PDB file of N, CA and C in Angstrom:
ATOM      1  N   UNK A   1       0.782  -1.247   0.030  1.00  0.00           N
ATOM      2  CA  UNK A   1      -0.005  -0.093  -0.048  1.00  0.00           C
ATOM      3  C   UNK A   1       0.794   1.153   0.038  1.00  0.00           C
ATOM      4  N   UNK A   2       0.735   2.051  -1.061  1.00  0.00           N
ATOM      5  CA  UNK A   2       1.544   3.257  -1.238  1.00  0.00           C
ATOM      6  C   UNK A   2       1.465   4.143  -0.067  1.00  0.00           C
ATOM      7  N   UNK A   3       2.344   4.754   0.338  1.00  0.00           N
ATOM      8  CA  UNK A   3       2.598   5.663   1.344  1.00  0.00           C
ATOM      9  C   UNK A   3       2.467   5.204   2.844  1.00  0.00           C
ATOM     10  N   UNK A   4       2.269   3.993   3.160  1.00  0.00           N
ATOM     11  CA  UNK A   4       2.287   3.322   4.369  1.00  0.00           C
ATOM     12  C   UNK A   4       3.580   2.984   4.803  1.00  0.00           C
ATOM     13  N   UNK A   5       3.962   3.178   6.015  1.00  0.00           N
ATOM     14  CA  UNK A   5       5.402   2.918   6.565  1.00  0.00           C
ATOM     15  C   UNK A   5       4.989   1.850   7.600  1.00  0.00           C
ATOM     16  N   UNK A   6       5.921   0.867   7.865  1.00  0.00           N
ATOM     17  CA  UNK A   6       5.814  -0.137   8.898  1.00  0.00           C
ATOM     18  C   UNK A   6       6.704   0.484  10.059  1.00  0.00           C
ATOM     19  N   UNK A   7       6.462   0.292  11.152  1.00  0.00           N
ATOM     20  CA  UNK A   7       6.902   0.777  12.429  1.00  0.00           C
ATOM     21  C   UNK A   7       7.698  -0.393  13.181  1.00  0.00           C
ATOM     22  N   UNK A   8       8.899  -0.111  13.508  1.00  0.00           N
ATOM     23  CA  UNK A   8       9.677  -1.040  14.219  1.00  0.00           C
ATOM     24  C   UNK A   8       9.156  -1.028  15.862  1.00  0.00           C
ATOM     25  N   UNK A   9       8.892  -2.156  16.126  1.00  0.00           N
ATOM     26  CA  UNK A   9       8.254  -2.650  17.555  1.00  0.00           C
ATOM     27  C   UNK A   9       9.403  -3.170  18.197  1.00  0.00           C
ATOM     28  N   UNK A  10       9.852  -2.660  19.433  1.00  0.00           N
ATOM     29  CA  UNK A  10      10.826  -3.159  20.269  1.00  0.00           C
ATOM     30  C   UNK A  10      10.234  -3.685  21.552  1.00  0.00           C
ATOM     31  N   UNK A  11      10.311  -4.736  21.768  1.00  0.00           N
ATOM     32  CA  UNK A  11       9.682  -5.546  22.911  1.00  0.00           C
ATOM     33  C   UNK A  11      10.468  -5.305  24.249  1.00  0.00           C
ATOM     34  N   UNK A  12      10.158  -5.564  25.376  1.00  0.00           N
ATOM     35  CA  UNK A  12      10.751  -5.681  26.637  1.00  0.00           C
ATOM     36  C   UNK A  12      11.975  -6.497  26.655  1.00  0.00           C
ATOM     37  N   UNK A  13      11.663  -7.767  25.926  1.00  0.00           N
ATOM     38  CA  UNK A  13      12.763  -8.790  25.778  1.00  0.00           C
ATOM     39  C   UNK A  13      13.819  -8.256  24.804  1.00  0.00           C
ATOM     40  N   UNK A  14      13.606  -7.599  23.782  1.00  0.00           N
ATOM     41  CA  UNK A  14      14.473  -7.034  22.890  1.00  0.00           C
ATOM     42  C   UNK A  14      15.441  -6.052  23.775  1.00  0.00           C
ATOM     43  N   UNK A  15      14.829  -5.125  24.577  1.00  0.00           N
ATOM     44  CA  UNK A  15      15.486  -4.239  25.443  1.00  0.00           C
ATOM     45  C   UNK A  15      16.424  -4.824  26.473  1.00  0.00           C
ATOM     46  N   UNK A  16      16.036  -6.181  26.753  1.00  0.00           N
ATOM     47  CA  UNK A  16      17.152  -6.766  27.702  1.00  0.00           C
ATOM     48  C   UNK A  16      18.162  -7.476  27.030  1.00  0.00           C
ATOM     49  N   UNK A  17      18.286  -7.545  25.714  1.00  0.00           N
ATOM     50  CA  UNK A  17      19.441  -8.171  25.022  1.00  0.00           C
ATOM     51  C   UNK A  17      20.677  -7.553  25.198  1.00  0.00           C
ATOM     52  N   UNK A  18      21.709  -8.151  25.078  1.00  0.00           N
ATOM     53  CA  UNK A  18      23.084  -7.595  25.094  1.00  0.00           C
ATOM     54  C   UNK A  18      23.273  -6.736  23.939  1.00  0.00           C
ATOM     55  N   UNK A  19      22.768  -6.977  22.822  1.00  0.00           N
ATOM     56  CA  UNK A  19      23.046  -6.524  21.650  1.00  0.00           C
ATOM     57  C   UNK A  19      22.253  -4.969  21.569  1.00  0.00           C
ATOM     58  N   UNK A  20      20.975  -5.011  22.114  1.00  0.00           N
ATOM     59  CA  UNK A  20      20.290  -3.682  22.251  1.00  0.00           C
ATOM     60  C   UNK A  20      20.840  -2.872  23.317  1.00  0.00           C
ATOM     61  N   UNK A  21      21.445  -3.264  24.328  1.00  0.00           N
ATOM     62  CA  UNK A  21      22.189  -2.615  25.347  1.00  0.00           C
ATOM     63  C   UNK A  21      23.493  -1.935  24.724  1.00  0.00           C
ATOM     64  N   UNK A  22      24.164  -2.611  24.020  1.00  0.00           N
ATOM     65  CA  UNK A  22      25.435  -2.220  23.439  1.00  0.00           C
ATOM     66  C   UNK A  22      25.130  -1.171  22.464  1.00  0.00           C
ATOM     67  N   UNK A  23      24.079  -1.320  21.639  1.00  0.00           N
ATOM     68  CA  UNK A  23      23.750  -0.255  20.675  1.00  0.00           C
ATOM     69  C   UNK A  23      23.201   0.961  21.372  1.00  0.00           C
ATOM     70  N   UNK A  24      22.493   0.897  22.485  1.00  0.00           N
ATOM     71  CA  UNK A  24      21.926   1.913  23.353  1.00  0.00           C
ATOM     72  C   UNK A  24      23.186   2.807  23.816  1.00  0.00           C
ATOM     73  N   UNK A  25      24.167   2.065  24.389  1.00  0.00           N
ATOM     74  CA  UNK A  25      25.363   2.765  24.979  1.00  0.00           C
ATOM     75  C   UNK A  25      26.023   3.422  23.941  1.00  0.00           C
ATOM     76  N   UNK A  26      26.345   2.790  22.661  1.00  0.00           N
ATOM     77  CA  UNK A  26      27.016   3.317  21.675  1.00  0.00           C
ATOM     78  C   UNK A  26      26.455   4.637  21.096  1.00  0.00           C
ATOM     79  N   UNK A  27      24.990   4.499  21.078  1.00  0.00           N
ATOM     80  CA  UNK A  27      24.342   5.740  20.630  1.00  0.00           C
ATOM     81  C   UNK A  27      24.462   7.010  21.815  1.00  0.00           C
ATOM     82  N   UNK A  28      24.193   6.537  22.943  1.00  0.00           N
ATOM     83  CA  UNK A  28      24.406   7.600  23.947  1.00  0.00           C
ATOM     84  C   UNK A  28      25.751   8.256  24.098  1.00  0.00           C
ATOM     85  N   UNK A  29      26.754   7.365  23.904  1.00  0.00           N
ATOM     86  CA  UNK A  29      28.242   7.841  23.851  1.00  0.00           C
ATOM     87  C   UNK A  29      28.320   8.860  22.647  1.00  0.00           C
ATOM     88  N   UNK A  30      27.937   8.419  21.469  1.00  0.00           N
ATOM     89  CA  UNK A  30      28.062   9.190  20.212  1.00  0.00           C
ATOM     90  C   UNK A  30      27.349  10.648  20.376  1.00  0.00           C
ATOM     91  N   UNK A  31      26.145  10.528  20.902  1.00  0.00           N
ATOM     92  CA  UNK A  31      25.336  11.823  21.287  1.00  0.00           C
ATOM     93  C   UNK A  31      26.066  12.685  22.171  1.00  0.00           C
ATOM     94  N   UNK A  32      26.703  12.161  23.441  1.00  0.00           N
ATOM     95  CA  UNK A  32      27.476  12.905  24.136  1.00  0.00           C
ATOM     96  C   UNK A  32      28.645  13.564  23.584  1.00  0.00           C
ATOM     97  N   UNK A  33      29.360  12.880  22.745  1.00  0.00           N
ATOM     98  CA  UNK A  33      30.660  13.393  22.035  1.00  0.00           C
ATOM     99  C   UNK A  33      30.277  14.492  21.139  1.00  0.00           C
ATOM    100  N   UNK A  34      29.061  14.210  20.438  1.00  0.00           N
ATOM    101  CA  UNK A  34      28.695  15.314  19.315  1.00  0.00           C
ATOM    102  C   UNK A  34      28.197  16.510  20.105  1.00  0.00           C
ATOM    103  N   UNK A  35      27.373  16.372  21.173  1.00  0.00           N
ATOM    104  CA  UNK A  35      26.939  17.606  21.914  1.00  0.00           C
ATOM    105  C   UNK A  35      28.052  18.439  22.401  1.00  0.00           C
ATOM    106  N   UNK A  36      29.194  17.666  23.065  1.00  0.00           N
ATOM    107  CA  UNK A  36      30.259  18.368  23.425  1.00  0.00           C
ATOM    108  C   UNK A  36      31.136  19.157  22.508  1.00  0.00           C
ATOM    109  N   UNK A  37      31.366  18.414  21.359  1.00  0.00           N
ATOM    110  CA  UNK A  37      32.022  18.946  20.314  1.00  0.00           C
ATOM    111  C   UNK A  37      31.163  20.253  19.796  1.00  0.00           C
ATOM    112  N   UNK A  38      29.890  20.240  19.689  1.00  0.00           N
ATOM    113  CA  UNK A  38      29.306  21.565  19.275  1.00  0.00           C
ATOM    114  C   UNK A  38      29.239  22.549  20.194  1.00  0.00           C
ATOM    115  N   UNK A  39      29.313  22.179  21.491  1.00  0.00           N
ATOM    116  CA  UNK A  39      29.379  23.245  22.562  1.00  0.00           C
ATOM    117  C   UNK A  39      30.759  24.012  22.474  1.00  0.00           C
ATOM    118  N   UNK A  40      31.814  23.203  22.021  1.00  0.00           N
ATOM    119  CA  UNK A  40      33.099  23.916  21.823  1.00  0.00           C
ATOM    120  C   UNK A  40      33.274  24.422  20.433  1.00  0.00           C
ATOM    121  N   UNK A  41      32.307  24.375  19.699  1.00  0.00           N
ATOM    122  CA  UNK A  41      32.303  24.989  18.309  1.00  0.00           C
ATOM    123  C   UNK A  41      33.319  24.150  17.311  1.00  0.00           C
ATOM    124  N   UNK A  42      33.672  23.014  17.598  1.00  0.00           N
ATOM    125  CA  UNK A  42      34.392  22.304  16.718  1.00  0.00           C
ATOM    126  C   UNK A  42      33.780  21.584  15.592  1.00  0.00           C
ATOM    127  N   UNK A  43      34.438  21.362  14.506  1.00  0.00           N
ATOM    128  CA  UNK A  43      33.935  20.704  13.466  1.00  0.00           C
ATOM    129  C   UNK A  43      34.292  19.143  13.733  1.00  0.00           C
ATOM    130  N   UNK A  44      33.789  18.238  12.898  1.00  0.00           N
ATOM    131  CA  UNK A  44      34.367  16.753  13.127  1.00  0.00           C
ATOM    132  C   UNK A  44      35.807  16.609  12.675  1.00  0.00           C
ATOM    133  N   UNK A  45      36.230  17.403  11.682  1.00  0.00           N
ATOM    134  CA  UNK A  45      37.426  17.306  11.186  1.00  0.00           C
ATOM    135  C   UNK A  45      38.432  17.864  12.265  1.00  0.00           C
ATOM    136  N   UNK A  46      38.103  18.984  12.956  1.00  0.00           N
ATOM    137  CA  UNK A  46      38.905  19.492  14.093  1.00  0.00           C
ATOM    138  C   UNK A  46      39.119  18.552  15.115  1.00  0.00           C
ATOM    139  N   UNK A  47      37.933  17.974  15.712  1.00  0.00           N
ATOM    140  CA  UNK A  47      37.900  17.004  16.750  1.00  0.00           C
ATOM    141  C   UNK A  47      38.702  15.737  16.366  1.00  0.00           C
ATOM    142  N   UNK A  48      38.544  15.275  15.041  1.00  0.00           N
ATOM    143  CA  UNK A  48      39.129  14.018  14.670  1.00  0.00           C
ATOM    144  C   UNK A  48      40.578  14.194  14.818  1.00  0.00           C
ATOM    145  N   UNK A  49      41.235  15.346  14.347  1.00  0.00           N
ATOM    146  CA  UNK A  49      42.564  15.734  14.238  1.00  0.00           C
ATOM    147  C   UNK A  49      43.111  15.784  15.777  1.00  0.00           C
ATOM    148  N   UNK A  50      42.297  16.466  16.661  1.00  0.00           N
ATOM    149  CA  UNK A  50      42.751  16.600  18.017  1.00  0.00           C
ATOM    150  C   UNK A  50      42.812  15.223  18.799  1.00  0.00           C
ATOM    151  N   UNK A  51      42.038  14.323  18.334  1.00  0.00           N
ATOM    152  CA  UNK A  51      42.044  13.126  19.006  1.00  0.00           C
ATOM    153  C   UNK A  51      42.588  11.982  18.338  1.00  0.00           C
ATOM    154  N   UNK A  52      43.377  12.229  17.211  1.00  0.00           N
ATOM    155  CA  UNK A  52      44.028  11.115  16.471  1.00  0.00           C
ATOM    156  C   UNK A  52      43.159  10.126  15.670  1.00  0.00           C
ATOM    157  N   UNK A  53      42.045  10.682  15.279  1.00  0.00           N
ATOM    158  CA  UNK A  53      41.136   9.783  14.509  1.00  0.00           C
ATOM    159  C   UNK A  53      41.006  10.486  13.103  1.00  0.00           C
ATOM    160  N   UNK A  54      40.323   9.753  12.292  1.00  0.00           N
ATOM    161  CA  UNK A  54      39.787  10.165  10.969  1.00  0.00           C
ATOM    162  C   UNK A  54      38.492  10.945  11.192  1.00  0.00           C
ATOM    163  N   UNK A  55      37.930  11.623  10.325  1.00  0.00           N
ATOM    164  CA  UNK A  55      36.728  12.259  10.248  1.00  0.00           C
ATOM    165  C   UNK A  55      35.613  11.117  10.188  1.00  0.00           C
ATOM    166  N   UNK A  56      35.989  10.201   9.215  1.00  0.00           N
ATOM    167  CA  UNK A  56      35.004   9.168   9.069  1.00  0.00           C
ATOM    168  C   UNK A  56      34.666   8.319  10.366  1.00  0.00           C
ATOM    169  N   UNK A  57      35.893   8.074  11.180  1.00  0.00           N
ATOM    170  CA  UNK A  57      35.838   7.315  12.289  1.00  0.00           C
ATOM    171  C   UNK A  57      34.957   8.057  13.311  1.00  0.00           C
ATOM    172  N   UNK A  58      35.321   9.322  13.532  1.00  0.00           N
ATOM    173  CA  UNK A  58      34.492  10.097  14.402  1.00  0.00           C
ATOM    174  C   UNK A  58      33.070  10.269  14.030  1.00  0.00           C
ATOM    175  N   UNK A  59      32.841  10.366  12.809  1.00  0.00           N
ATOM    176  CA  UNK A  59      31.382  10.432  12.285  1.00  0.00           C
ATOM    177  C   UNK A  59      30.616   9.149  12.639  1.00  0.00           C
ATOM    178  N   UNK A  60      31.177   8.133  12.453  1.00  0.00           N
ATOM    179  CA  UNK A  60      30.604   6.717  12.842  1.00  0.00           C
ATOM    180  C   UNK A  60      30.402   6.477  14.442  1.00  0.00           C
ATOM    181  N   UNK A  61      31.431   7.070  15.176  1.00  0.00           N
ATOM    182  CA  UNK A  61      31.256   7.130  16.627  1.00  0.00           C
ATOM    183  C   UNK A  61      30.038   7.936  16.901  1.00  0.00           C
ATOM    184  N   UNK A  62      29.937   9.106  16.491  1.00  0.00           N
ATOM    185  CA  UNK A  62      28.937  10.095  16.756  1.00  0.00           C
ATOM    186  C   UNK A  62      27.537   9.628  16.396  1.00  0.00           C
ATOM    187  N   UNK A  63      27.481   8.655  15.375  1.00  0.00           N
ATOM    188  CA  UNK A  63      26.247   8.157  14.897  1.00  0.00           C
ATOM    189  C   UNK A  63      25.788   6.841  15.697  1.00  0.00           C
ATOM    190  N   UNK A  64      26.709   6.445  16.589  1.00  0.00           N
ATOM    191  CA  UNK A  64      26.414   5.281  17.544  1.00  0.00           C
ATOM    192  C   UNK A  64      26.791   3.960  16.824  1.00  0.00           C
ATOM    193  N   UNK A  65      27.600   4.104  15.792  1.00  0.00           N
ATOM    194  CA  UNK A  65      28.102   2.925  15.063  1.00  0.00           C
ATOM    195  C   UNK A  65      29.367   2.321  15.419  1.00  0.00           C
ATOM    196  N   UNK A  66      29.885   2.738  16.607  1.00  0.00           N
ATOM    197  CA  UNK A  66      31.238   2.399  17.024  1.00  0.00           C
ATOM    198  C   UNK A  66      31.268   2.059  18.417  1.00  0.00           C
ATOM    199  N   UNK A  67      32.068   1.108  18.899  1.00  0.00           N
ATOM    200  CA  UNK A  67      32.395   0.798  20.323  1.00  0.00           C
ATOM    201  C   UNK A  67      33.909   1.112  20.558  1.00  0.00           C
ATOM    202  N   UNK A  68      34.171   2.289  20.880  1.00  0.00           N
ATOM    203  CA  UNK A  68      35.648   2.719  21.139  1.00  0.00           C
ATOM    204  C   UNK A  68      36.281   1.901  22.342  1.00  0.00           C
ATOM    205  N   UNK A  69      37.609   1.913  22.135  1.00  0.00           N
ATOM    206  CA  UNK A  69      38.350   1.433  23.408  1.00  0.00           C
ATOM    207  C   UNK A  69      38.385   2.398  24.411  1.00  0.00           C
ATOM    208  N   UNK A  70      38.866   2.099  25.568  1.00  0.00           N
ATOM    209  CA  UNK A  70      39.076   3.082  26.768  1.00  0.00           C
ATOM    210  C   UNK A  70      40.154   3.972  26.390  1.00  0.00           C
ATOM    211  N   UNK A  71      41.196   3.652  25.452  1.00  0.00           N
ATOM    212  CA  UNK A  71      42.287   4.544  24.987  1.00  0.00           C
ATOM    213  C   UNK A  71      41.618   5.615  24.070  1.00  0.00           C
ATOM    214  N   UNK A  72      40.806   5.216  23.142  1.00  0.00           N
ATOM    215  CA  UNK A  72      40.239   6.388  22.290  1.00  0.00           C
ATOM    216  C   UNK A  72      39.276   7.132  23.040  1.00  0.00           C
ATOM    217  N   UNK A  73      38.533   6.636  23.993  1.00  0.00           N
ATOM    218  CA  UNK A  73      37.730   7.517  24.749  1.00  0.00           C
ATOM    219  C   UNK A  73      38.421   8.476  25.571  1.00  0.00           C
ATOM    220  N   UNK A  74      39.751   8.086  26.066  1.00  0.00           N
ATOM    221  CA  UNK A  74      40.525   8.986  26.904  1.00  0.00           C
ATOM    222  C   UNK A  74      41.104  10.054  25.819  1.00  0.00           C
ATOM    223  N   UNK A  75      41.515   9.673  24.814  1.00  0.00           N
ATOM    224  CA  UNK A  75      41.885  10.697  23.733  1.00  0.00           C
ATOM    225  C   UNK A  75      40.867  11.640  23.518  1.00  0.00           C
ATOM    226  N   UNK A  76      39.579  11.310  23.233  1.00  0.00           N
ATOM    227  CA  UNK A  76      38.516  12.175  22.930  1.00  0.00           C
ATOM    228  C   UNK A  76      38.138  12.940  24.120  1.00  0.00           C
ATOM    229  N   UNK A  77      38.266  12.498  25.325  1.00  0.00           N
ATOM    230  CA  UNK A  77      37.915  13.259  26.445  1.00  0.00           C
ATOM    231  C   UNK A  77      38.975  14.375  26.493  1.00  0.00           C
ATOM    232  N   UNK A  78      40.149  14.227  26.371  1.00  0.00           N
ATOM    233  CA  UNK A  78      41.223  15.264  26.421  1.00  0.00           C
ATOM    234  C   UNK A  78      40.885  16.076  25.278  1.00  0.00           C
ATOM    235  N   UNK A  79      40.682  15.802  24.127  1.00  0.00           N
ATOM    236  CA  UNK A  79      40.287  16.593  22.912  1.00  0.00           C
ATOM    237  C   UNK A  79      39.368  17.567  23.146  1.00  0.00           C
ATOM    238  N   UNK A  80      38.249  17.060  23.925  1.00  0.00           N
ATOM    239  CA  UNK A  80      37.041  17.767  24.238  1.00  0.00           C
ATOM    240  C   UNK A  80      37.184  18.576  25.523  1.00  0.00           C
ATOM    241  N   UNK A  81      38.312  18.660  26.097  1.00  0.00           N
ATOM    242  CA  UNK A  81      38.525  19.374  27.404  1.00  0.00           C
ATOM    243  C   UNK A  81      37.554  18.959  28.438  1.00  0.00           C
ATOM    244  N   UNK A  82      37.555  17.571  28.531  1.00  0.00           N
ATOM    245  CA  UNK A  82      36.651  16.832  29.524  1.00  0.00           C
ATOM    246  C   UNK A  82      37.430  15.733  30.159  1.00  0.00           C
ATOM    247  N   UNK A  83      36.830  15.222  31.260  1.00  0.00           N
ATOM    248  CA  UNK A  83      37.404  14.100  31.927  1.00  0.00           C
ATOM    249  C   UNK A  83      36.573  12.963  31.557  1.00  0.00           C
ATOM    250  N   UNK A  84      37.155  11.710  31.540  1.00  0.00           N
ATOM    251  CA  UNK A  84      36.566  10.492  31.186  1.00  0.00           C
ATOM    252  C   UNK A  84      36.136   9.792  32.580  1.00  0.00           C
ATOM    253  N   UNK A  85      35.022   9.491  32.712  1.00  0.00           N
ATOM    254  CA  UNK A  85      34.541   8.800  33.847  1.00  0.00           C
ATOM    255  C   UNK A  85      33.692   7.364  33.556  1.00  0.00           C
ATOM    256  N   UNK A  86      34.229   6.468  33.954  1.00  0.00           N
ATOM    257  CA  UNK A  86      33.741   5.014  33.687  1.00  0.00           C
ATOM    258  C   UNK A  86      33.350   4.376  35.021  1.00  0.00           C
ATOM    259  N   UNK A  87      32.074   4.047  35.258  1.00  0.00           N
ATOM    260  CA  UNK A  87      31.814   3.593  36.559  1.00  0.00           C
ATOM    261  C   UNK A  87      30.648   2.463  36.481  1.00  0.00           C
ATOM    262  N   UNK A  88      30.779   1.582  37.431  1.00  0.00           N
ATOM    263  CA  UNK A  88      29.684   0.580  37.620  1.00  0.00           C
ATOM    264  C   UNK A  88      28.737   1.089  38.713  1.00  0.00           C
ATOM    265  N   UNK A  89      27.373   0.971  38.209  1.00  0.00           N
ATOM    266  CA  UNK A  89      26.416   1.498  39.341  1.00  0.00           C
ATOM    267  C   UNK A  89      25.588   0.319  39.600  1.00  0.00           C
ATOM    268  N   UNK A  90      25.326   0.003  40.810  1.00  0.00           N
ATOM    269  CA  UNK A  90      24.535  -1.208  41.280  1.00  0.00           C
ATOM    270  C   UNK A  90      23.074  -0.949  40.799  1.00  0.00           C
ATOM    271  N   UNK A  91      22.399  -1.997  40.311  1.00  0.00           N
ATOM    272  CA  UNK A  91      21.058  -1.806  39.828  1.00  0.00           C
ATOM    273  C   UNK A  91      20.288  -1.722  41.115  1.00  0.00           C
ATOM    274  N   UNK A  92      19.024  -1.127  40.962  1.00  0.00           N
ATOM    275  CA  UNK A  92      18.025  -0.943  42.015  1.00  0.00           C
ATOM    276  C   UNK A  92      17.382  -2.354  41.983  1.00  0.00           C
ATOM    277  N   UNK A  93      17.206  -2.830  43.367  1.00  0.00           N
ATOM    278  CA  UNK A  93      16.505  -4.056  43.569  1.00  0.00           C
ATOM    279  C   UNK A  93      15.062  -3.988  43.561  1.00  0.00           C
TER     280      UNK A  93
END
């Protein structure tokens, strides 16, 4: 039927999957990097140069399509004049 779009349905079971969680973390990380980059008035090219990445690598990360190493995250944090904080938080029971 012309003009109709199907809608992706994500179930609670999907949300609990390891793949879904990894994708969510990657998306949230990319969003945070992009927002900080824009706060500083940097282009992707400038931030990529500062952090030792290519523009295409940074673009993929900002889009949530990459799972960077701690080393890359540290370089990004320094390039964004930020500190890197990685922590484990107990789940509410």
